Amino acid sequence: MDGFHTGFTATTLALAERAGIPVHWALLGAPPEGALTDVQVSSPTGLSAPRDGEAWASRLRQKARELARSMPR
């Protein structure tokens, strides 16, 4: 199931960049800085990203780039 979520998120990020919406890649794997409101978080970690946030963010960024290259312009 993680692959599905990662693929969906990578597609969303690739489409956002294509639409000119800024994506703050540096914040993607970082733990949240303040209180979480109106977001879904993981119950084991309490974070919106997996425990290995930096590795996950790196894989997600790579997947988003691959998807963006394969999308028609």
PDB file of N, CA and C in Angstrom:
ATOM      1  N   MET A   1       0.815  -1.196   0.000  1.00  0.00           N
ATOM      2  CA  MET A   1       0.000   0.000   0.000  1.00  0.00           C
ATOM      3  C   MET A   1       0.860   1.261   0.000  1.00  0.00           C
ATOM      4  N   ASP A   2       2.063   1.173   0.576  1.00  0.00           N
ATOM      5  CA  ASP A   2       2.932   2.341   0.613  1.00  0.00           C
ATOM      6  C   ASP A   2       3.285   2.806  -0.794  1.00  0.00           C
ATOM      7  N   GLY A   3       3.485   1.862  -1.713  1.00  0.00           N
ATOM      8  CA  GLY A   3       3.798   2.217  -3.091  1.00  0.00           C
ATOM      9  C   GLY A   3       2.689   3.022  -3.734  1.00  0.00           C
ATOM     10  N   PHE A   4       1.450   2.658  -3.441  1.00  0.00           N
ATOM     11  CA  PHE A   4       0.308   3.390  -3.987  1.00  0.00           C
ATOM     12  C   PHE A   4       0.305   4.822  -3.466  1.00  0.00           C
ATOM     13  N   HIS A   5       0.484   4.977  -2.164  1.00  0.00           N
ATOM     14  CA  HIS A   5       0.487   6.322  -1.578  1.00  0.00           C
ATOM     15  C   HIS A   5       1.630   7.166  -2.124  1.00  0.00           C
ATOM     16  N   THR A   6       2.795   6.569  -2.236  1.00  0.00           N
ATOM     17  CA  THR A   6       3.945   7.291  -2.757  1.00  0.00           C
ATOM     18  C   THR A   6       3.713   7.694  -4.210  1.00  0.00           C
ATOM     19  N   GLY A   7       3.168   6.779  -5.014  1.00  0.00           N
ATOM     20  CA  GLY A   7       2.878   7.091  -6.408  1.00  0.00           C
ATOM     21  C   GLY A   7       1.854   8.198  -6.552  1.00  0.00           C
ATOM     22  N   PHE A   8       0.808   8.142  -5.747  1.00  0.00           N
ATOM     23  CA  PHE A   8      -0.228   9.172  -5.790  1.00  0.00           C
ATOM     24  C   PHE A   8       0.348  10.523  -5.389  1.00  0.00           C
ATOM     25  N   THR A   9       1.119  10.537  -4.311  1.00  0.00           N
ATOM     26  CA  THR A   9       1.706  11.790  -3.830  1.00  0.00           C
ATOM     27  C   THR A   9       2.701  12.341  -4.841  1.00  0.00           C
ATOM     28  N   ALA A  10       3.522  11.465  -5.432  1.00  0.00           N
ATOM     29  CA  ALA A  10       4.491  11.909  -6.441  1.00  0.00           C
ATOM     30  C   ALA A  10       3.778  12.493  -7.652  1.00  0.00           C
ATOM     31  N   THR A  11       2.686  11.878  -8.080  1.00  0.00           N
ATOM     32  CA  THR A  11       1.914  12.390  -9.215  1.00  0.00           C
ATOM     33  C   THR A  11       1.342  13.764  -8.881  1.00  0.00           C
ATOM     34  N   THR A  12       0.808  13.916  -7.691  1.00  0.00           N
ATOM     35  CA  THR A  12       0.248  15.194  -7.267  1.00  0.00           C
ATOM     36  C   THR A  12       1.320  16.279  -7.254  1.00  0.00           C
ATOM     37  N   LEU A  13       2.504  15.946  -6.734  1.00  0.00           N
ATOM     38  CA  LEU A  13       3.596  16.916  -6.698  1.00  0.00           C
ATOM     39  C   LEU A  13       4.078  17.279  -8.103  1.00  0.00           C
ATOM     40  N   ALA A  14       4.174  16.292  -8.982  1.00  0.00           N
ATOM     41  CA  ALA A  14       4.587  16.556 -10.362  1.00  0.00           C
ATOM     42  C   ALA A  14       3.579  17.465 -11.057  1.00  0.00           C
ATOM     43  N   LEU A  15       2.300  17.216 -10.855  1.00  0.00           N
ATOM     44  CA  LEU A  15       1.260  18.054 -11.463  1.00  0.00           C
ATOM     45  C   LEU A  15       1.267  19.466 -10.876  1.00  0.00           C
ATOM     46  N   ALA A  16       1.520  19.565  -9.572  1.00  0.00           N
ATOM     47  CA  ALA A  16       1.586  20.887  -8.933  1.00  0.00           C
ATOM     48  C   ALA A  16       2.722  21.701  -9.527  1.00  0.00           C
ATOM     49  N   GLU A  17       3.891  21.086  -9.670  1.00  0.00           N
ATOM     50  CA  GLU A  17       5.011  21.802 -10.272  1.00  0.00           C
ATOM     51  C   GLU A  17       4.720  22.190 -11.714  1.00  0.00           C
ATOM     52  N   ARG A  18       4.080  21.289 -12.437  1.00  0.00           N
ATOM     53  CA  ARG A  18       3.725  21.577 -13.839  1.00  0.00           C
ATOM     54  C   ARG A  18       2.778  22.777 -13.911  1.00  0.00           C
ATOM     55  N   ALA A  19       1.916  22.924 -12.903  1.00  0.00           N
ATOM     56  CA  ALA A  19       0.952  24.032 -12.871  1.00  0.00           C
ATOM     57  C   ALA A  19       1.567  25.318 -12.328  1.00  0.00           C
ATOM     58  N   GLY A  20       2.850  25.263 -11.929  1.00  0.00           N
ATOM     59  CA  GLY A  20       3.506  26.461 -11.423  1.00  0.00           C
ATOM     60  C   GLY A  20       3.307  26.698  -9.940  1.00  0.00           C
ATOM     61  N   ILE A  21       2.808  25.694  -9.236  1.00  0.00           N
ATOM     62  CA  ILE A  21       2.615  25.809  -7.790  1.00  0.00           C
ATOM     63  C   ILE A  21       3.938  25.452  -7.117  1.00  0.00           C
ATOM     64  N   PRO A  22       4.468  26.340  -6.272  1.00  0.00           N
ATOM     65  CA  PRO A  22       5.761  26.039  -5.644  1.00  0.00           C
ATOM     66  C   PRO A  22       5.657  24.867  -4.671  1.00  0.00           C
ATOM     67  N   VAL A  23       6.606  23.953  -4.767  1.00  0.00           N
ATOM     68  CA  VAL A  23       6.680  22.814  -3.852  1.00  0.00           C
ATOM     69  C   VAL A  23       7.920  23.025  -2.988  1.00  0.00           C
ATOM     70  N   HIS A  24       7.747  23.049  -1.688  1.00  0.00           N
ATOM     71  CA  HIS A  24       8.856  23.262  -0.757  1.00  0.00           C
ATOM     72  C   HIS A  24       9.471  21.912  -0.409  1.00  0.00           C
ATOM     73  N   TRP A  25      10.373  21.437  -1.290  1.00  0.00           N
ATOM     74  CA  TRP A  25      10.956  20.109  -1.152  1.00  0.00           C
ATOM     75  C   TRP A  25      11.727  19.955   0.151  1.00  0.00           C
ATOM     76  N   ALA A  26      12.363  20.988   0.627  1.00  0.00           N
ATOM     77  CA  ALA A  26      13.169  20.891   1.848  1.00  0.00           C
ATOM     78  C   ALA A  26      12.309  20.569   3.068  1.00  0.00           C
ATOM     79  N   LEU A  27      11.065  20.975   3.046  1.00  0.00           N
ATOM     80  CA  LEU A  27      10.178  20.736   4.186  1.00  0.00           C
ATOM     81  C   LEU A  27       9.465  19.389   4.115  1.00  0.00           C
ATOM     82  N   LEU A  28       9.586  18.710   2.986  1.00  0.00           N
ATOM     83  CA  LEU A  28       8.805  17.499   2.763  1.00  0.00           C
ATOM     84  C   LEU A  28       9.079  16.391   3.780  1.00  0.00           C
ATOM     85  N   GLY A  29      10.328  16.124   4.098  1.00  0.00           N
ATOM     86  CA  GLY A  29      10.659  15.053   5.035  1.00  0.00           C
ATOM     87  C   GLY A  29      10.874  15.517   6.453  1.00  0.00           C
ATOM     88  N   ALA A  30      10.747  16.811   6.678  1.00  0.00           N
ATOM     89  CA  ALA A  30      11.006  17.369   8.005  1.00  0.00           C
ATOM     90  C   ALA A  30       9.807  17.165   8.935  1.00  0.00           C
ATOM     91  N   PRO A  31      10.081  17.021  10.220  1.00  0.00           N
ATOM     92  CA  PRO A  31       8.965  16.928  11.165  1.00  0.00           C
ATOM     93  C   PRO A  31       8.236  18.267  11.239  1.00  0.00           C
ATOM     94  N   PRO A  32       6.966  18.259  11.581  1.00  0.00           N
ATOM     95  CA  PRO A  32       6.207  19.503  11.653  1.00  0.00           C
ATOM     96  C   PRO A  32       6.771  20.426  12.731  1.00  0.00           C
ATOM     97  N   GLU A  33       6.696  21.731  12.489  1.00  0.00           N
ATOM     98  CA  GLU A  33       7.246  22.705  13.426  1.00  0.00           C
ATOM     99  C   GLU A  33       6.232  23.146  14.476  1.00  0.00           C
ATOM    100  N   GLY A  34       4.973  23.111  14.151  1.00  0.00           N
ATOM    101  CA  GLY A  34       3.965  23.594  15.083  1.00  0.00           C
ATOM    102  C   GLY A  34       2.866  22.575  15.281  1.00  0.00           C
ATOM    103  N   ALA A  35       1.793  23.033  15.872  1.00  0.00           N
ATOM    104  CA  ALA A  35       0.644  22.162  16.119  1.00  0.00           C
ATOM    105  C   ALA A  35       0.009  21.745  14.799  1.00  0.00           C
ATOM    106  N   LEU A  36      -0.443  20.502  14.723  1.00  0.00           N
ATOM    107  CA  LEU A  36      -1.090  19.993  13.517  1.00  0.00           C
ATOM    108  C   LEU A  36      -2.596  20.204  13.620  1.00  0.00           C
ATOM    109  N   THR A  37      -3.154  20.824  12.594  1.00  0.00           N
ATOM    110  CA  THR A  37      -4.600  21.000  12.531  1.00  0.00           C
ATOM    111  C   THR A  37      -5.062  20.671  11.126  1.00  0.00           C
ATOM    112  N   ASP A  38      -6.189  20.029  11.022  1.00  0.00           N
ATOM    113  CA  ASP A  38      -6.804  19.699   9.735  1.00  0.00           C
ATOM    114  C   ASP A  38      -5.895  18.895   8.817  1.00  0.00           C
ATOM    115  N   VAL A  39      -5.112  17.981   9.382  1.00  0.00           N
ATOM    116  CA  VAL A  39      -4.268  17.101   8.582  1.00  0.00           C
ATOM    117  C   VAL A  39      -4.387  15.682   9.122  1.00  0.00           C
ATOM    118  N   GLN A  40      -4.129  14.726   8.264  1.00  0.00           N
ATOM    119  CA  GLN A  40      -4.116  13.336   8.697  1.00  0.00           C
ATOM    120  C   GLN A  40      -2.688  12.981   9.073  1.00  0.00           C
ATOM    121  N   VAL A  41      -2.513  12.398  10.252  1.00  0.00           N
ATOM    122  CA  VAL A  41      -1.177  12.022  10.702  1.00  0.00           C
ATOM    123  C   VAL A  41      -1.144  10.543  11.023  1.00  0.00           C
ATOM    124  N   SER A  42       0.039   9.989  11.009  1.00  0.00           N
ATOM    125  CA  SER A  42       0.236   8.585  11.325  1.00  0.00           C
ATOM    126  C   SER A  42       0.086   8.374  12.829  1.00  0.00           C
ATOM    127  N   SER A  43      -0.677   7.378  13.223  1.00  0.00           N
ATOM    128  CA  SER A  43      -0.862   7.144  14.652  1.00  0.00           C
ATOM    129  C   SER A  43       0.399   6.626  15.347  1.00  0.00           C
ATOM    130  N   PRO A  44       1.241   5.770  14.712  1.00  0.00           N
ATOM    131  CA  PRO A  44       2.442   5.321  15.421  1.00  0.00           C
ATOM    132  C   PRO A  44       3.468   6.434  15.657  1.00  0.00           C
ATOM    133  N   THR A  45       3.653   7.322  14.689  1.00  0.00           N
ATOM    134  CA  THR A  45       4.683   8.348  14.828  1.00  0.00           C
ATOM    135  C   THR A  45       4.121   9.712  15.181  1.00  0.00           C
ATOM    136  N   GLY A  46       2.851   9.946  14.899  1.00  0.00           N
ATOM    137  CA  GLY A  46       2.277  11.264  15.128  1.00  0.00           C
ATOM    138  C   GLY A  46       2.721  12.288  14.100  1.00  0.00           C
ATOM    139  N   LEU A  47       3.359  11.821  13.033  1.00  0.00           N
ATOM    140  CA  LEU A  47       3.852  12.719  12.001  1.00  0.00           C
ATOM    141  C   LEU A  47       3.081  12.507  10.706  1.00  0.00           C
ATOM    142  N   SER A  48       3.137  13.498   9.843  1.00  0.00           N
ATOM    143  CA  SER A  48       2.464  13.375   8.550  1.00  0.00           C
ATOM    144  C   SER A  48       3.337  12.661   7.527  1.00  0.00           C
ATOM    145  N   ALA A  49       4.592  12.402   7.850  1.00  0.00           N
ATOM    146  CA  ALA A  49       5.516  11.683   6.979  1.00  0.00           C
ATOM    147  C   ALA A  49       6.044  10.466   7.730  1.00  0.00           C
ATOM    148  N   PRO A  50       6.512   9.456   7.034  1.00  0.00           N
ATOM    149  CA  PRO A  50       7.067   8.278   7.702  1.00  0.00           C
ATOM    150  C   PRO A  50       8.259   8.624   8.583  1.00  0.00           C
ATOM    151  N   ARG A  51       8.601   7.711   9.495  1.00  0.00           N
ATOM    152  CA  ARG A  51       9.689   7.934  10.439  1.00  0.00           C
ATOM    153  C   ARG A  51      11.009   8.243   9.726  1.00  0.00           C
ATOM    154  N   ASP A  52      11.282   7.575   8.617  1.00  0.00           N
ATOM    155  CA  ASP A  52      12.498   7.846   7.832  1.00  0.00           C
ATOM    156  C   ASP A  52      12.213   8.960   6.826  1.00  0.00           C
ATOM    157  N   GLY A  53      11.796  10.112   7.328  1.00  0.00           N
ATOM    158  CA  GLY A  53      11.313  11.216   6.502  1.00  0.00           C
ATOM    159  C   GLY A  53      12.231  11.644   5.383  1.00  0.00           C
ATOM    160  N   GLU A  54      13.538  11.755   5.664  1.00  0.00           N
ATOM    161  CA  GLU A  54      14.453  12.234   4.626  1.00  0.00           C
ATOM    162  C   GLU A  54      14.587  11.244   3.484  1.00  0.00           C
ATOM    163  N   ALA A  55      14.691   9.954   3.796  1.00  0.00           N
ATOM    164  CA  ALA A  55      14.797   8.934   2.743  1.00  0.00           C
ATOM    165  C   ALA A  55      13.503   8.873   1.942  1.00  0.00           C
ATOM    166  N   TRP A  56      12.374   8.947   2.632  1.00  0.00           N
ATOM    167  CA  TRP A  56      11.065   8.935   1.971  1.00  0.00           C
ATOM    168  C   TRP A  56      10.929  10.142   1.051  1.00  0.00           C
ATOM    169  N   ALA A  57      11.323  11.315   1.523  1.00  0.00           N
ATOM    170  CA  ALA A  57      11.216  12.531   0.727  1.00  0.00           C
ATOM    171  C   ALA A  57      12.110  12.450  -0.503  1.00  0.00           C
ATOM    172  N   SER A  58      13.293  11.862  -0.349  1.00  0.00           N
ATOM    173  CA  SER A  58      14.208  11.705  -1.467  1.00  0.00           C
ATOM    174  C   SER A  58      13.624  10.782  -2.534  1.00  0.00           C
ATOM    175  N   ARG A  59      13.045   9.650  -2.111  1.00  0.00           N
ATOM    176  CA  ARG A  59      12.411   8.730  -3.056  1.00  0.00           C
ATOM    177  C   ARG A  59      11.213   9.392  -3.737  1.00  0.00           C
ATOM    178  N   LEU A  60      10.468  10.154  -2.965  1.00  0.00           N
ATOM    179  CA  LEU A  60       9.291  10.833  -3.508  1.00  0.00           C
ATOM    180  C   LEU A  60       9.694  11.868  -4.550  1.00  0.00           C
ATOM    181  N   ARG A  61      10.737  12.619  -4.269  1.00  0.00           N
ATOM    182  CA  ARG A  61      11.223  13.617  -5.217  1.00  0.00           C
ATOM    183  C   ARG A  61      11.695  12.958  -6.516  1.00  0.00           C
ATOM    184  N   GLN A  62      12.412  11.844  -6.394  1.00  0.00           N
ATOM    185  CA  GLN A  62      12.890  11.120  -7.570  1.00  0.00           C
ATOM    186  C   GLN A  62      11.718  10.603  -8.403  1.00  0.00           C
ATOM    187  N   LYS A  63      10.724  10.032  -7.734  1.00  0.00           N
ATOM    188  CA  LYS A  63       9.546   9.511  -8.427  1.00  0.00           C
ATOM    189  C   LYS A  63       8.786  10.644  -9.132  1.00  0.00           C
ATOM    190  N   ALA A  64       8.659  11.798  -8.470  1.00  0.00           N
ATOM    191  CA  ALA A  64       7.963  12.937  -9.067  1.00  0.00           C
ATOM    192  C   ALA A  64       8.700  13.425 -10.311  1.00  0.00           C
ATOM    193  N   ARG A  65      10.023  13.449 -10.262  1.00  0.00           N
ATOM    194  CA  ARG A  65      10.805  13.863 -11.433  1.00  0.00           C
ATOM    195  C   ARG A  65      10.622  12.895 -12.592  1.00  0.00           C
ATOM    196  N   GLU A  66      10.643  11.590 -12.281  1.00  0.00           N
ATOM    197  CA  GLU A  66      10.435  10.585 -13.329  1.00  0.00           C
ATOM    198  C   GLU A  66       9.069  10.741 -13.978  1.00  0.00           C
ATOM    199  N   LEU A  67       8.054  10.949 -13.156  1.00  0.00           N
ATOM    200  CA  LEU A  67       6.700  11.132 -13.686  1.00  0.00           C
ATOM    201  C   LEU A  67       6.604  12.388 -14.534  1.00  0.00           C
ATOM    202  N   ALA A  68       7.211  13.472 -14.060  1.00  0.00           N
ATOM    203  CA  ALA A  68       7.155  14.741 -14.801  1.00  0.00           C
ATOM    204  C   ALA A  68       7.810  14.605 -16.176  1.00  0.00           C
ATOM    205  N   ARG A  69       8.914  13.853 -16.244  1.00  0.00           N
ATOM    206  CA  ARG A  69       9.599  13.647 -17.541  1.00  0.00           C
ATOM    207  C   ARG A  69       8.738  12.843 -18.508  1.00  0.00           C
ATOM    208  N   SER A  70       7.924  11.938 -17.982  1.00  0.00           N
ATOM    209  CA  SER A  70       7.128  11.096 -18.867  1.00  0.00           C
ATOM    210  C   SER A  70       5.776  11.702 -19.239  1.00  0.00           C
ATOM    211  N   MET A  71       5.418  12.831 -18.626  1.00  0.00           N
ATOM    212  CA  MET A  71       4.145  13.488 -18.931  1.00  0.00           C
ATOM    213  C   MET A  71       4.267  14.305 -20.205  1.00  0.00           C
ATOM    214  N   PRO A  72       3.244  14.264 -21.066  1.00  0.00           N
ATOM    215  CA  PRO A  72       3.294  15.105 -22.257  1.00  0.00           C
ATOM    216  C   PRO A  72       3.205  16.585 -21.891  1.00  0.00           C
ATOM    217  N   ARG A  73       3.801  17.376 -22.715  1.00  0.00           N
ATOM    218  CA  ARG A  73       3.776  18.854 -22.470  1.00  0.00           C
ATOM    219  C   ARG A  73       2.720  19.505 -23.294  1.00  0.00           C
TER     220      ARG A  73
END
